Amino acid sequence: PSAIKQSILEKLMVEVEANLGTAMTYTLFEYAKDNKELFMENQPVNTVTSVSNSIAIGTPDVPASKKKEKKEQLSKTQKRKLADKTDNKGELPRGWNWVDVIK
């Protein structure tokens, strides 16, 4: 509701006035995180109803698609190149994607 939004903005503006002239983005986020209960004290409580109660018990779960996902097929040369790039753990060496600045 707009009344709650306005009260939150007023409380944040007080904090802005206190920190005027300094870098305050992080400070404002931390202030909001620390005082979220204070901000939401007049917030109306919405109840969420469970959708699972309306589902019929006798219907089994059927997946939308019964197709198996295919693995990506690599050629022998692609497998060799991949094996040449990785170490014995299957991980790429440190700095494999660094940009060569000297070139």
N, C-alpha and C. Protein backbone atom coordinates (compact mmCIF):
# COMPACT_ATOMS: atom_id res chain seq x y z
N PRO A 1 0.82 -1.20 0.00
CA PRO A 1 0.00 0.00 0.00
C PRO A 1 0.86 1.26 0.00
N SER A 2 0.30 2.32 -0.53
CA SER A 2 1.06 3.57 -0.66
C SER A 2 1.38 4.19 0.69
N ALA A 3 0.56 4.00 1.69
CA ALA A 3 0.84 4.58 3.01
C ALA A 3 2.09 3.95 3.62
N ILE A 4 2.24 2.66 3.49
CA ILE A 4 3.42 1.97 4.02
C ILE A 4 4.65 2.36 3.23
N LYS A 5 4.48 2.47 1.91
CA LYS A 5 5.60 2.89 1.06
C LYS A 5 6.07 4.28 1.46
N GLN A 6 5.14 5.17 1.73
CA GLN A 6 5.49 6.54 2.11
C GLN A 6 6.20 6.56 3.46
N SER A 7 5.76 5.72 4.41
CA SER A 7 6.42 5.70 5.72
C SER A 7 7.84 5.14 5.61
N ILE A 8 8.05 4.15 4.74
CA ILE A 8 9.39 3.62 4.52
C ILE A 8 10.29 4.68 3.90
N LEU A 9 9.76 5.41 2.92
CA LEU A 9 10.54 6.48 2.29
C LEU A 9 10.91 7.57 3.29
N GLU A 10 9.98 7.91 4.19
CA GLU A 10 10.27 8.94 5.20
C GLU A 10 11.39 8.49 6.13
N LYS A 11 11.35 7.22 6.54
CA LYS A 11 12.40 6.71 7.42
C LYS A 11 13.74 6.65 6.71
N LEU A 12 13.73 6.30 5.42
CA LEU A 12 14.99 6.28 4.66
C LEU A 12 15.51 7.69 4.42
N MET A 13 14.61 8.67 4.24
CA MET A 13 15.05 10.05 4.03
C MET A 13 15.73 10.60 5.28
N VAL A 14 15.29 10.17 6.45
CA VAL A 14 15.96 10.58 7.69
C VAL A 14 17.39 10.05 7.69
N GLU A 15 17.56 8.81 7.26
CA GLU A 15 18.90 8.21 7.20
C GLU A 15 19.75 8.90 6.12
N VAL A 16 19.12 9.29 5.02
CA VAL A 16 19.84 10.01 3.96
C VAL A 16 20.35 11.35 4.49
N GLU A 17 19.49 12.07 5.22
CA GLU A 17 19.90 13.36 5.78
C GLU A 17 21.08 13.20 6.74
N ALA A 18 21.09 12.09 7.49
CA ALA A 18 22.18 11.85 8.44
C ALA A 18 23.49 11.55 7.73
N ASN A 19 23.43 10.93 6.56
CA ASN A 19 24.64 10.53 5.85
C ASN A 19 24.95 11.41 4.65
N LEU A 20 24.36 12.58 4.58
CA LEU A 20 24.57 13.48 3.45
C LEU A 20 26.04 13.86 3.32
N GLY A 21 26.57 13.75 2.10
CA GLY A 21 27.96 14.09 1.85
C GLY A 21 28.90 12.90 1.86
N THR A 22 28.38 11.72 2.13
CA THR A 22 29.21 10.52 2.13
C THR A 22 28.64 9.51 1.15
N ALA A 23 29.43 8.49 0.83
CA ALA A 23 28.93 7.41 -0.01
C ALA A 23 27.98 6.58 0.84
N MET A 24 26.70 6.53 0.45
CA MET A 24 25.73 5.96 1.36
C MET A 24 24.89 4.84 0.78
N THR A 25 25.16 4.39 -0.41
CA THR A 25 24.32 3.34 -1.00
C THR A 25 24.36 2.09 -0.14
N TYR A 26 25.55 1.63 0.18
CA TYR A 26 25.69 0.43 1.01
C TYR A 26 25.09 0.66 2.39
N THR A 27 25.29 1.85 2.94
CA THR A 27 24.76 2.18 4.26
C THR A 27 23.25 2.12 4.27
N LEU A 28 22.60 2.63 3.20
CA LEU A 28 21.14 2.60 3.13
C LEU A 28 20.61 1.19 3.01
N PHE A 29 21.28 0.36 2.22
CA PHE A 29 20.84 -1.03 2.09
C PHE A 29 20.97 -1.77 3.42
N GLU A 30 22.07 -1.55 4.12
CA GLU A 30 22.27 -2.19 5.42
C GLU A 30 21.25 -1.69 6.44
N TYR A 31 20.94 -0.40 6.40
CA TYR A 31 19.94 0.17 7.30
C TYR A 31 18.57 -0.46 7.03
N ALA A 32 18.22 -0.60 5.74
CA ALA A 32 16.93 -1.19 5.38
C ALA A 32 16.88 -2.66 5.80
N LYS A 33 18.00 -3.39 5.61
CA LYS A 33 18.03 -4.79 5.98
C LYS A 33 17.92 -4.98 7.50
N ASP A 34 18.60 -4.11 8.25
CA ASP A 34 18.58 -4.22 9.71
C ASP A 34 17.22 -3.84 10.29
N ASN A 35 16.49 -2.94 9.63
CA ASN A 35 15.23 -2.43 10.18
C ASN A 35 14.01 -2.88 9.40
N LYS A 36 14.08 -4.04 8.78
CA LYS A 36 12.94 -4.49 7.97
C LYS A 36 11.70 -4.76 8.82
N GLU A 37 11.87 -5.18 10.07
CA GLU A 37 10.72 -5.39 10.94
C GLU A 37 10.04 -4.05 11.25
N LEU A 38 10.84 -3.01 11.44
CA LEU A 38 10.31 -1.68 11.71
C LEU A 38 9.52 -1.17 10.50
N PHE A 39 10.03 -1.44 9.31
CA PHE A 39 9.36 -0.98 8.09
C PHE A 39 8.03 -1.71 7.86
N MET A 40 7.97 -2.97 8.25
CA MET A 40 6.80 -3.78 7.94
C MET A 40 5.84 -3.95 9.12
N GLU A 41 5.97 -3.10 10.14
CA GLU A 41 5.13 -3.28 11.32
C GLU A 41 3.65 -3.04 11.03
N ASN A 42 3.30 -2.20 10.07
CA ASN A 42 1.90 -1.92 9.75
C ASN A 42 1.45 -2.65 8.48
N GLN A 43 2.25 -3.56 8.01
CA GLN A 43 1.95 -4.31 6.79
C GLN A 43 0.83 -5.31 7.05
N PRO A 44 -0.23 -5.30 6.22
CA PRO A 44 -1.28 -6.31 6.41
C PRO A 44 -0.74 -7.69 6.03
N VAL A 45 -1.17 -8.70 6.76
CA VAL A 45 -0.69 -10.06 6.53
C VAL A 45 -1.57 -10.72 5.49
N ASN A 46 -0.95 -11.23 4.42
CA ASN A 46 -1.66 -11.96 3.38
C ASN A 46 -1.47 -13.44 3.62
N THR A 47 -2.55 -14.20 3.56
CA THR A 47 -2.43 -15.64 3.73
C THR A 47 -2.37 -16.30 2.37
N VAL A 48 -1.51 -17.29 2.26
CA VAL A 48 -1.35 -18.02 1.02
C VAL A 48 -2.00 -19.38 1.20
N THR A 49 -2.91 -19.71 0.30
CA THR A 49 -3.56 -21.02 0.40
C THR A 49 -2.80 -22.01 -0.45
N SER A 50 -2.79 -23.23 0.00
CA SER A 50 -2.05 -24.28 -0.69
C SER A 50 -2.87 -24.78 -1.87
N VAL A 51 -2.23 -24.92 -3.00
CA VAL A 51 -2.88 -25.41 -4.21
C VAL A 51 -2.98 -26.92 -4.19
N SER A 52 -2.13 -27.57 -3.43
CA SER A 52 -2.11 -29.03 -3.43
C SER A 52 -3.39 -29.64 -2.87
N ASN A 53 -4.17 -28.89 -2.10
CA ASN A 53 -5.42 -29.41 -1.55
C ASN A 53 -6.47 -29.64 -2.64
N SER A 54 -6.39 -28.91 -3.74
CA SER A 54 -7.41 -29.02 -4.78
C SER A 54 -7.07 -30.10 -5.80
N ILE A 55 -5.92 -30.73 -5.70
CA ILE A 55 -5.53 -31.77 -6.65
C ILE A 55 -6.18 -33.09 -6.25
N ALA A 56 -6.73 -33.79 -7.23
CA ALA A 56 -7.36 -35.07 -6.95
C ALA A 56 -6.30 -36.09 -6.56
N ILE A 57 -6.63 -36.94 -5.60
CA ILE A 57 -5.66 -37.90 -5.08
C ILE A 57 -5.41 -39.04 -6.05
N GLY A 58 -6.40 -39.44 -6.84
CA GLY A 58 -6.28 -40.61 -7.71
C GLY A 58 -5.47 -40.39 -8.97
N THR A 59 -5.06 -39.17 -9.31
CA THR A 59 -4.33 -38.94 -10.56
C THR A 59 -2.84 -39.09 -10.32
N PRO A 60 -2.17 -39.95 -11.09
CA PRO A 60 -0.73 -40.10 -10.93
C PRO A 60 0.00 -38.95 -11.64
N ASP A 61 1.23 -38.69 -11.16
CA ASP A 61 2.04 -37.67 -11.82
C ASP A 61 2.61 -38.23 -13.11
N VAL A 62 2.28 -37.59 -14.21
CA VAL A 62 2.79 -38.00 -15.52
C VAL A 62 3.68 -36.88 -16.02
N PRO A 63 4.94 -37.16 -16.31
CA PRO A 63 5.81 -36.11 -16.82
C PRO A 63 5.32 -35.60 -18.17
N ALA A 64 5.59 -34.35 -18.45
CA ALA A 64 5.11 -33.73 -19.67
C ALA A 64 5.73 -34.37 -20.91
N SER A 65 6.97 -34.72 -20.84
CA SER A 65 7.61 -35.36 -22.00
C SER A 65 8.40 -36.57 -21.52
N LYS A 66 8.28 -37.67 -22.26
CA LYS A 66 8.97 -38.90 -21.88
C LYS A 66 10.27 -39.07 -22.65
N LYS A 67 10.67 -38.04 -23.40
CA LYS A 67 11.89 -38.12 -24.19
C LYS A 67 13.10 -37.98 -23.28
N LYS A 68 14.11 -38.78 -23.53
CA LYS A 68 15.36 -38.66 -22.80
C LYS A 68 16.21 -37.60 -23.48
N GLU A 69 16.92 -36.85 -22.67
CA GLU A 69 17.79 -35.83 -23.23
C GLU A 69 19.04 -36.48 -23.78
N LYS A 70 19.39 -36.10 -25.00
CA LYS A 70 20.58 -36.66 -25.63
C LYS A 70 21.81 -35.91 -25.17
N LYS A 71 22.88 -36.65 -24.96
CA LYS A 71 24.14 -36.03 -24.63
C LYS A 71 24.74 -35.46 -25.91
N GLU A 72 25.53 -34.43 -25.74
CA GLU A 72 26.20 -33.83 -26.88
C GLU A 72 27.25 -34.79 -27.41
N GLN A 73 27.18 -35.12 -28.68
CA GLN A 73 28.12 -36.04 -29.30
C GLN A 73 29.34 -35.27 -29.81
N LEU A 74 30.51 -35.68 -29.36
CA LEU A 74 31.75 -35.05 -29.78
C LEU A 74 32.50 -35.99 -30.71
N SER A 75 33.17 -35.40 -31.68
CA SER A 75 33.99 -36.22 -32.57
C SER A 75 35.29 -36.58 -31.85
N LYS A 76 36.06 -37.48 -32.45
CA LYS A 76 37.32 -37.90 -31.82
C LYS A 76 38.28 -36.73 -31.68
N THR A 77 38.34 -35.87 -32.68
CA THR A 77 39.25 -34.73 -32.61
C THR A 77 38.80 -33.74 -31.53
N GLN A 78 37.50 -33.56 -31.40
CA GLN A 78 37.01 -32.67 -30.35
C GLN A 78 37.33 -33.23 -28.97
N LYS A 79 37.21 -34.54 -28.81
CA LYS A 79 37.54 -35.17 -27.54
C LYS A 79 39.02 -35.04 -27.23
N ARG A 80 39.87 -35.21 -28.25
CA ARG A 80 41.32 -35.07 -28.05
C ARG A 80 41.68 -33.65 -27.63
N LYS A 81 41.08 -32.65 -28.31
CA LYS A 81 41.36 -31.26 -27.97
C LYS A 81 40.93 -30.96 -26.54
N LEU A 82 39.79 -31.49 -26.14
CA LEU A 82 39.30 -31.28 -24.79
C LEU A 82 40.22 -31.96 -23.77
N ALA A 83 40.69 -33.15 -24.09
CA ALA A 83 41.59 -33.86 -23.19
C ALA A 83 42.94 -33.15 -23.10
N ASP A 84 43.40 -32.54 -24.19
CA ASP A 84 44.67 -31.82 -24.16
C ASP A 84 44.59 -30.56 -23.30
N LYS A 85 43.40 -29.95 -23.25
CA LYS A 85 43.24 -28.72 -22.49
C LYS A 85 43.12 -28.97 -20.99
N THR A 86 42.59 -30.11 -20.58
CA THR A 86 42.32 -30.35 -19.17
C THR A 86 43.47 -31.08 -18.49
N ASP A 87 43.48 -30.98 -17.16
CA ASP A 87 44.49 -31.72 -16.39
C ASP A 87 43.93 -33.08 -15.99
N ASN A 88 44.61 -33.77 -15.09
CA ASN A 88 44.19 -35.13 -14.72
C ASN A 88 42.86 -35.17 -13.97
N LYS A 89 42.39 -34.05 -13.44
CA LYS A 89 41.12 -34.00 -12.74
C LYS A 89 39.97 -33.62 -13.67
N GLY A 90 40.28 -33.32 -14.94
CA GLY A 90 39.24 -32.91 -15.87
C GLY A 90 38.94 -31.42 -15.81
N GLU A 91 39.78 -30.66 -15.13
CA GLU A 91 39.57 -29.22 -15.00
C GLU A 91 40.51 -28.47 -15.92
N LEU A 92 40.07 -27.32 -16.38
CA LEU A 92 40.91 -26.50 -17.23
C LEU A 92 41.99 -25.85 -16.38
N PRO A 93 43.18 -25.64 -16.94
CA PRO A 93 44.25 -25.04 -16.15
C PRO A 93 43.94 -23.58 -15.81
N ARG A 94 44.54 -23.09 -14.76
CA ARG A 94 44.33 -21.72 -14.32
C ARG A 94 44.77 -20.76 -15.42
N GLY A 95 43.90 -19.82 -15.74
CA GLY A 95 44.22 -18.79 -16.72
C GLY A 95 43.97 -19.20 -18.16
N TRP A 96 43.21 -20.25 -18.40
CA TRP A 96 42.99 -20.73 -19.77
C TRP A 96 42.21 -19.73 -20.60
N ASN A 97 41.42 -18.86 -19.98
CA ASN A 97 40.62 -17.90 -20.73
C ASN A 97 41.12 -16.46 -20.57
N TRP A 98 42.34 -16.28 -20.13
CA TRP A 98 42.89 -14.95 -19.99
C TRP A 98 43.19 -14.35 -21.35
N VAL A 99 43.11 -13.05 -21.45
CA VAL A 99 43.41 -12.35 -22.68
C VAL A 99 44.90 -12.06 -22.71
N ASP A 100 45.53 -12.37 -23.85
CA ASP A 100 46.95 -12.13 -24.00
C ASP A 100 47.16 -10.66 -24.35
N VAL A 101 47.65 -9.85 -23.40
CA VAL A 101 47.78 -8.41 -23.57
C VAL A 101 48.99 -8.08 -24.45
N ILE A 102 50.01 -8.90 -24.41
CA ILE A 102 51.26 -8.59 -25.11
C ILE A 102 51.09 -8.64 -26.62
N LYS A 103 50.21 -9.51 -27.11
CA LYS A 103 50.00 -9.58 -28.56
C LYS A 103 49.58 -8.26 -29.09
